[in-house]
Amino acid sequence: MYLVHARFETATEIPLELDVVSQALLAPGDRVEHLSVHRRPPRHFVFGFYLLADALAEAEARAERVSRRLLATGRLPPARLLEAEAPLMPAELLGFGCA
């Protein structure tokens, strides 16, 4: 399972029910185990996808496809997908010292 963040920019207000609407639009074939929505007012929001995949590249590609499909439904605010990538963690959190 992989965590992938899809970041969006919108020119409109971000609806409070964005999380409920987004989750309702997911399909079993998306292989999304969990979706969280983070509002970054005034013009950004992030989908945090927990996806089942065999590799990180596959998870990132799937998160991008699902994000574009959700936008295309017209049920989300008009937005531009900025990126769909696994979030990077600082080396010290992974147990590596900083040089």
Protein backbone atom coordinates (compact mmCIF):
# COMPACT_ATOMS: atom_id res chain seq x y z
CA MET A 1 0.00 0.00 0.00
CA TYR A 2 1.25 3.46 -0.90
CA LEU A 3 0.34 6.96 0.22
CA VAL A 4 0.12 9.41 -2.68
CA HIS A 5 -0.82 13.08 -2.39
CA ALA A 6 -2.65 14.68 -5.30
CA ARG A 7 -2.47 18.48 -5.05
CA PHE A 8 -5.02 20.73 -6.73
CA GLU A 9 -5.46 24.44 -7.35
CA THR A 10 -8.91 25.96 -7.81
CA ALA A 11 -10.25 29.45 -8.40
CA THR A 12 -13.51 28.71 -6.62
CA GLU A 13 -14.48 28.07 -3.03
CA ILE A 14 -13.68 24.59 -1.73
CA PRO A 15 -16.94 22.96 -0.61
CA LEU A 16 -17.11 21.62 2.93
CA GLU A 17 -18.50 18.30 1.66
CA LEU A 18 -15.58 17.69 -0.73
CA ASP A 19 -14.47 14.64 1.24
CA VAL A 20 -17.89 12.94 1.13
CA VAL A 21 -18.40 13.68 -2.56
CA SER A 22 -14.89 12.51 -3.50
CA GLN A 23 -15.17 9.24 -1.58
CA ALA A 24 -18.58 8.52 -3.11
CA LEU A 25 -17.08 8.78 -6.61
CA LEU A 26 -14.44 6.09 -6.04
CA ALA A 27 -14.85 2.75 -7.79
CA PRO A 28 -13.57 -0.67 -6.62
CA GLY A 29 -11.20 -0.82 -9.60
CA ASP A 30 -9.43 2.29 -8.31
CA ARG A 31 -7.89 0.13 -5.57
CA VAL A 32 -8.11 3.05 -3.14
CA GLU A 33 -8.19 1.77 0.44
CA HIS A 34 -8.69 5.22 1.97
CA LEU A 35 -9.05 8.79 0.73
CA SER A 36 -8.60 11.83 2.92
CA VAL A 37 -9.17 15.39 1.79
CA HIS A 38 -7.13 18.30 3.11
CA ARG A 39 -8.42 21.77 2.42
CA ARG A 40 -5.73 24.42 1.96
CA PRO A 41 -7.81 27.59 1.66
CA PRO A 42 -8.19 29.77 -0.13
CA ARG A 43 -7.34 27.99 -3.42
CA HIS A 44 -5.80 24.56 -2.82
CA PHE A 45 -6.82 21.12 -1.69
CA VAL A 46 -5.05 17.77 -1.43
CA PHE A 47 -6.31 14.23 -1.79
CA GLY A 48 -4.37 11.74 0.32
CA PHE A 49 -4.79 8.38 -1.40
CA TYR A 50 -3.85 5.09 0.24
CA LEU A 51 -3.63 2.83 -2.79
CA LEU A 52 -2.96 -0.84 -3.35
CA ALA A 53 -0.23 -1.20 -5.97
CA ASP A 54 2.81 -3.33 -6.76
CA ALA A 55 5.14 -0.34 -7.08
CA LEU A 56 5.28 3.34 -6.21
CA ALA A 57 5.21 4.45 -9.86
CA GLU A 58 2.02 2.45 -10.38
CA ALA A 59 0.43 4.04 -7.28
CA GLU A 60 1.34 7.56 -8.43
CA ALA A 61 0.01 6.91 -11.94
CA ARG A 62 -3.23 5.49 -10.53
CA ALA A 63 -3.68 8.47 -8.18
CA GLU A 64 -3.28 10.80 -11.16
CA ARG A 65 -5.82 8.84 -13.27
CA VAL A 66 -8.35 8.68 -10.43
CA SER A 67 -7.89 12.40 -9.70
CA ARG A 68 -8.48 13.34 -13.32
CA ARG A 69 -11.54 11.07 -13.48
CA LEU A 70 -13.00 12.61 -10.31
CA LEU A 71 -12.47 16.10 -11.73
CA ALA A 72 -14.12 15.08 -15.01
CA THR A 73 -17.36 14.12 -13.22
CA GLY A 74 -18.16 17.79 -12.65
CA ARG A 75 -19.02 17.04 -9.01
CA LEU A 76 -15.79 18.60 -7.68
CA PRO A 77 -14.92 22.27 -7.90
CA PRO A 78 -13.19 23.16 -11.18
CA ALA A 79 -9.54 22.60 -10.41
CA ARG A 80 -6.13 21.97 -11.92
CA LEU A 81 -4.17 18.91 -10.82
CA LEU A 82 -0.70 20.14 -9.87
CA GLU A 83 0.93 16.80 -9.03
CA ALA A 84 0.30 13.29 -7.78
CA GLU A 85 3.32 12.06 -5.87
CA ALA A 86 4.28 10.18 -2.76
CA PRO A 87 5.15 12.66 -0.01
CA LEU A 88 8.82 12.78 0.86
CA MET A 89 9.89 12.21 4.44
CA PRO A 90 12.91 13.87 6.06
CA ALA A 91 15.85 11.48 6.41
CA GLU A 92 15.93 11.90 10.20
CA LEU A 93 12.40 10.44 10.43
CA LEU A 94 13.61 7.38 8.54
CA GLY A 95 16.46 6.81 11.00
CA PHE A 96 19.21 8.32 8.87
CA GLY A 97 21.36 11.02 10.38
CA CYS A 98 21.84 14.36 8.67
CA ALA A 99 25.39 15.06 7.52
